[in-house]
Protein backbone atom coordinates (compact mmCIF):
# COMPACT_ATOMS: atom_id res chain seq x y z
CA MET A 1 131.62 -16.93 77.24
CA LYS A 2 133.92 -18.68 74.81
CA LYS A 3 133.80 -17.17 71.33
CA GLU A 4 132.85 -19.62 68.59
CA ALA A 5 135.66 -20.42 66.19
CA SER A 6 135.46 -19.28 62.60
CA ILE A 7 133.85 -21.90 60.37
CA THR A 8 137.06 -21.98 58.35
CA VAL A 9 138.91 -23.10 61.49
CA GLN A 10 136.15 -25.30 62.87
CA ASN A 11 135.81 -27.22 59.61
CA ASN A 12 139.44 -27.04 58.49
CA VAL A 13 138.58 -25.21 55.27
CA HIS A 14 141.11 -25.08 52.43
CA GLU A 15 140.66 -23.30 49.13
CA THR A 16 142.70 -22.86 45.97
CA GLY A 17 142.33 -21.21 42.60
CA ALA A 18 139.94 -18.63 41.26
CA GLY A 19 136.79 -18.59 39.19
CA GLU A 20 133.33 -19.97 39.88
CA PRO A 21 133.44 -21.83 43.20
CA ILE A 22 133.11 -25.60 43.60
CA LEU A 23 132.56 -26.84 47.13
CA PHE A 24 133.47 -30.51 47.72
CA ALA A 25 131.96 -32.38 50.69
CA HIS A 26 133.17 -35.79 51.85
CA GLY A 27 130.97 -38.68 52.96
CA TYR A 28 130.63 -40.52 56.26
CA GLY A 29 133.86 -41.57 57.94
CA CYS A 30 136.09 -39.72 55.49
CA ASP A 31 137.68 -36.29 55.25
CA GLN A 32 138.59 -33.83 52.52
CA GLN A 33 141.60 -35.92 51.42
CA VAL A 34 139.28 -38.25 49.52
CA TRP A 35 138.93 -35.56 46.82
CA ARG A 36 142.68 -35.27 46.16
CA PHE A 37 142.49 -37.09 42.81
CA VAL A 38 139.49 -35.07 41.62
CA THR A 39 140.22 -31.45 42.55
CA PRO A 40 143.19 -31.08 40.14
CA GLY A 41 140.68 -31.52 37.35
CA PHE A 42 139.03 -28.24 38.35
CA SER A 43 142.06 -25.96 38.63
CA ASP A 44 140.19 -23.30 36.62
CA HIS A 45 137.71 -22.97 39.49
CA ARG A 46 137.88 -21.74 43.05
CA THR A 47 137.84 -25.10 44.85
CA ILE A 48 136.86 -25.33 48.51
CA LEU A 49 137.42 -28.35 50.73
CA PHE A 50 136.47 -28.90 54.37
CA ASP A 51 136.01 -31.57 57.04
CA HIS A 52 132.70 -32.18 58.78
CA VAL A 53 132.88 -31.69 62.55
CA GLY A 54 134.48 -34.80 64.03
CA ALA A 55 136.28 -35.75 60.83
CA GLY A 56 139.81 -35.04 59.62
CA ALA A 57 141.40 -31.99 61.19
CA SER A 58 138.11 -30.34 62.15
CA ASP A 59 137.53 -29.07 65.67
CA ALA A 60 135.88 -32.00 67.43
CA ALA A 61 135.12 -29.72 70.38
CA ALA A 62 132.56 -28.00 68.14
CA PHE A 63 130.42 -31.15 68.11
CA ASN A 64 126.99 -30.54 69.57
CA ARG A 65 124.72 -33.57 69.82
CA TYR A 66 121.57 -31.46 69.55
CA LYS A 67 122.74 -29.38 66.60
CA TYR A 68 123.80 -32.47 64.68
CA ARG A 69 120.78 -34.57 65.67
CA ASN A 70 119.85 -34.63 61.97
CA LEU A 71 121.44 -33.64 58.67
CA ASP A 72 120.15 -30.07 58.92
CA GLY A 73 122.95 -29.23 61.35
CA TYR A 74 125.53 -30.20 58.76
CA ALA A 75 123.64 -28.25 56.08
CA ASP A 76 123.73 -25.18 58.31
CA ASP A 77 127.52 -25.50 58.50
CA ILE A 78 127.62 -25.45 54.69
CA LEU A 79 125.59 -22.26 54.60
CA THR A 80 127.74 -20.62 57.28
CA LEU A 81 130.84 -21.55 55.28
CA CYS A 82 129.36 -20.04 52.11
CA ASP A 83 128.47 -16.84 53.95
CA GLU A 84 131.88 -16.49 55.57
CA LEU A 85 133.70 -17.01 52.27
CA GLU A 86 131.14 -14.83 50.45
CA LEU A 87 130.46 -17.54 47.90
CA GLU A 88 127.97 -17.13 45.06
CA LYS A 89 126.95 -19.39 42.17
CA VAL A 90 128.36 -22.37 44.02
CA THR A 91 128.54 -25.82 42.47
CA PHE A 92 128.16 -28.19 45.40
CA VAL A 93 129.68 -31.66 44.97
CA GLY A 94 128.72 -34.04 47.75
CA HIS A 95 129.51 -37.72 48.18
CA SER A 96 127.05 -40.14 49.78
CA VAL A 97 125.43 -38.55 52.86
CA SER A 98 126.98 -35.19 51.97
CA ALA A 99 125.02 -35.21 48.72
CA ILE A 100 121.90 -35.09 50.90
CA VAL A 101 123.45 -32.48 53.20
CA GLY A 102 124.12 -30.35 50.13
CA MET A 103 120.56 -30.88 48.93
CA LEU A 104 119.21 -29.57 52.23
CA ALA A 105 121.48 -26.53 52.00
CA VAL A 106 120.24 -25.85 48.46
CA ILE A 107 116.61 -26.08 49.58
CA LYS A 108 117.23 -23.64 52.43
CA ARG A 109 119.21 -21.07 50.41
CA PRO A 110 118.85 -21.78 46.67
CA GLU A 111 120.12 -18.33 45.71
CA ILE A 112 123.67 -19.29 46.76
CA PHE A 113 123.95 -22.31 44.47
CA SER A 114 124.02 -22.81 40.71
CA ARG A 115 124.40 -26.60 40.47
CA LEU A 116 124.25 -29.68 42.66
CA VAL A 117 126.33 -32.79 42.01
CA MET A 118 125.33 -35.87 44.00
CA VAL A 119 127.92 -38.65 43.95
CA ALA A 120 126.46 -42.03 44.99
CA PRO A 121 123.66 -40.42 47.04
CA SER A 122 120.95 -42.07 49.09
CA PRO A 123 118.09 -40.04 50.57
CA CYS A 124 116.93 -43.06 52.60
CA TYR A 125 118.83 -46.29 53.21
CA ILE A 126 115.84 -48.23 54.55
CA ASN A 127 113.27 -49.67 52.15
CA GLN A 128 109.96 -47.81 52.11
CA ALA A 129 106.65 -48.36 50.34
CA GLY A 130 107.40 -47.73 46.66
CA TYR A 131 111.12 -47.21 47.29
CA VAL A 132 114.02 -49.65 47.49
CA GLY A 133 116.85 -48.17 49.53
CA GLY A 134 118.71 -51.46 49.78
CA PHE A 135 118.36 -52.17 53.51
CA THR A 136 115.73 -53.25 56.00
CA ARG A 137 115.50 -51.67 59.44
CA PRO A 138 116.98 -54.83 61.07
CA ASP A 139 119.91 -54.59 58.62
CA ILE A 140 120.64 -51.03 59.75
CA ASP A 141 120.13 -51.86 63.44
CA ALA A 142 122.67 -54.68 63.16
CA LEU A 143 125.15 -52.39 61.40
CA LEU A 144 124.81 -49.75 64.11
CA GLU A 145 125.08 -52.30 66.91
CA LEU A 146 128.37 -53.58 65.52
CA LEU A 147 129.66 -50.01 65.31
CA ASP A 148 128.66 -49.44 68.95
CA THR A 149 130.42 -52.54 70.22
CA ASN A 150 133.47 -52.73 67.96
CA HIS A 151 134.42 -49.58 66.07
CA LEU A 152 137.63 -51.04 64.66
CA GLY A 153 135.95 -54.29 63.70
CA TRP A 154 133.12 -52.41 62.00
CA SER A 155 135.64 -50.34 60.05
CA ALA A 156 137.54 -53.41 58.86
CA ALA A 157 134.36 -55.25 57.90
CA MET A 158 132.49 -52.41 56.21
CA ALA A 159 135.30 -50.72 54.25
CA PRO A 160 135.59 -53.49 51.61
CA VAL A 161 131.79 -53.64 51.27
CA ILE A 162 131.48 -49.89 50.78
CA MET A 163 134.48 -49.50 48.51
CA GLY A 164 133.96 -52.54 46.29
CA ASN A 165 136.80 -53.03 43.79
CA ALA A 166 138.05 -56.12 45.63
CA GLU A 167 140.96 -56.41 43.19
CA ARG A 168 142.31 -53.12 44.61
CA PRO A 169 142.56 -53.75 48.37
CA GLU A 170 144.57 -50.58 48.92
CA LEU A 171 141.34 -48.60 48.38
CA SER A 172 139.42 -50.37 51.13
CA ASP A 173 142.48 -50.19 53.38
CA GLU A 174 142.49 -46.40 52.97
CA LEU A 175 138.78 -46.21 53.75
CA ALA A 176 139.13 -48.43 56.83
CA GLY A 177 141.96 -46.24 58.08
CA SER A 178 139.83 -43.15 57.63
CA PHE A 179 136.96 -44.74 59.56
CA CYS A 180 139.32 -45.63 62.39
CA ARG A 181 140.68 -42.08 62.67
CA MET A 182 137.25 -40.53 63.17
CA ASN A 183 136.33 -39.61 66.74
CA PRO A 184 134.48 -42.78 67.88
CA THR A 185 131.73 -40.97 69.80
CA ILE A 186 130.99 -38.67 66.89
CA ALA A 187 131.30 -41.55 64.43
CA ARG A 188 128.59 -43.51 66.23
CA HIS A 189 126.31 -40.47 66.38
CA PHE A 190 126.86 -39.48 62.74
CA ALA A 191 126.25 -43.08 61.65
CA ARG A 192 122.81 -43.05 63.25
CA VAL A 193 121.96 -39.71 61.71
CA THR A 194 123.18 -40.95 58.33
CA PHE A 195 121.68 -44.42 58.15
CA LEU A 196 118.37 -43.60 59.83
CA SER A 197 117.67 -40.43 57.83
CA ASN A 198 114.75 -40.23 55.44
CA ASN A 199 114.79 -37.25 53.08
CA LEU A 200 112.58 -38.67 50.34
CA GLU A 201 110.05 -35.85 50.74
CA ASP A 202 112.78 -33.24 50.18
CA LEU A 203 113.82 -34.47 46.73
CA PRO A 204 111.16 -32.61 44.69
CA LYS A 205 112.06 -29.33 46.43
CA VAL A 206 115.42 -28.98 44.64
CA ALA A 207 115.02 -26.31 41.98
CA ILE A 208 118.52 -26.10 40.48
CA PRO A 209 120.22 -28.33 37.88
CA THR A 210 121.28 -31.54 39.59
CA LEU A 211 123.58 -34.35 38.48
CA ILE A 212 123.06 -37.76 40.07
CA LEU A 213 126.12 -39.96 39.60
CA GLN A 214 125.18 -43.62 40.09
CA CYS A 215 127.85 -46.32 40.28
CA ALA A 216 127.54 -49.94 39.22
CA ASP A 217 127.52 -52.62 41.93
CA ASP A 218 127.11 -50.07 44.71
CA SER A 219 126.18 -52.02 47.84
CA ILE A 220 125.26 -48.83 49.72
CA ALA A 221 123.23 -46.99 47.07
CA PRO A 222 121.81 -49.48 44.54
CA ALA A 223 120.60 -48.47 41.09
CA THR A 224 117.01 -48.29 42.32
CA VAL A 225 117.96 -45.28 44.47
CA GLY A 226 119.30 -43.18 41.60
CA GLU A 227 116.34 -44.10 39.41
CA TYR A 228 113.87 -43.08 42.11
CA MET A 229 115.64 -39.78 42.75
CA HIS A 230 115.74 -38.90 39.07
CA GLY A 231 112.04 -39.68 38.79
CA VAL A 232 111.03 -37.13 41.45
CA MET A 233 113.69 -34.41 41.07
CA PRO A 234 112.48 -32.08 38.31
CA GLU A 235 115.87 -30.58 37.33
CA SER A 236 117.92 -33.77 37.61
CA GLN A 237 120.07 -35.82 35.27
CA LEU A 238 120.96 -39.41 36.09
CA VAL A 239 124.31 -40.66 34.82
CA MET A 240 125.26 -44.31 35.21
CA MET A 241 129.01 -44.64 35.63
CA GLN A 242 131.27 -47.48 34.61
CA ALA A 243 132.91 -47.13 38.02
CA THR A 244 131.92 -49.75 40.57
CA GLY A 245 131.47 -49.50 44.32
CA HIS A 246 130.46 -46.49 46.39
CA CYS A 247 133.50 -44.20 46.06
CA PRO A 248 134.19 -43.35 42.40
CA HIS A 249 136.21 -40.27 43.37
CA LEU A 250 138.81 -42.69 44.74
CA SER A 251 138.38 -45.70 42.44
CA ALA A 252 137.69 -43.86 39.17
CA PRO A 253 138.68 -40.18 39.52
CA ARG A 254 139.14 -39.59 35.79
CA GLU A 255 135.62 -40.74 35.01
CA THR A 256 134.29 -38.74 37.94
CA ILE A 257 136.01 -35.59 36.68
CA ALA A 258 134.76 -36.17 33.14
CA LYS A 259 131.13 -36.63 34.22
CA ILE A 260 131.16 -33.52 36.40
CA ARG A 261 132.95 -31.52 33.69
CA SER A 262 130.35 -32.49 31.13
CA PHE A 263 127.61 -31.34 33.50
CA LEU A 264 129.34 -28.01 34.20
CA ASN A 265 129.75 -27.34 30.49
CA GLN A 266 126.00 -27.39 29.99
CA ALA A 267 124.26 -24.02 29.99
CA VAL A 268 122.41 -23.16 33.18
């Protein structure tokens, strides 16, 4: 029987520095490189970066359709990583879907984590009774159908929508390139898991200090999402950023660093 690879190999883990650990998790279609403008702002911490299975330089052979049938499989990878690196008092910083992955990891093993930072999160993309996620089910079905039939076309069409900041096309070009590099089979699977997930009922279960960073003009996670989350998460703070679009760590890294820094400086 083939021995499973170490999580540090499987997920292409890189770490630098010393001090209290900060674990950065990238969103759908990206890899750890998206944090390159943010991590220098935390050089006084032990910073850990990784790629989800199927992204970046991770081991795509580790993909298991059943394990990753929902976001719990990705949360389990986070916990395995924390155990292997013997991490304690972790600040988890997750972008978009990884904010929800981190939330699930915190709920499963709260003793590992000290703080949760959710950058442009959405616990459910599809509108529900009493909740505006920004999309209808037909909207999501159409998005997934385009991804199924034309991965490159989907990447080119969606990157500018997700990124925003139309006056800076180099940002959406980078995002489109990242989408295109992802293993297409895994990309289609992860997209379904991401955009069809509904973790609204999990929000009140988070019992550690949580920062929700909400961007202006975010076409993926509108302001109603952050407001709803803050309303049901007992230990949360909602911070509205000046940054626009869905990826402030790329479009406004200085503001992103400042908001996270301010949160970390608060007593736990």
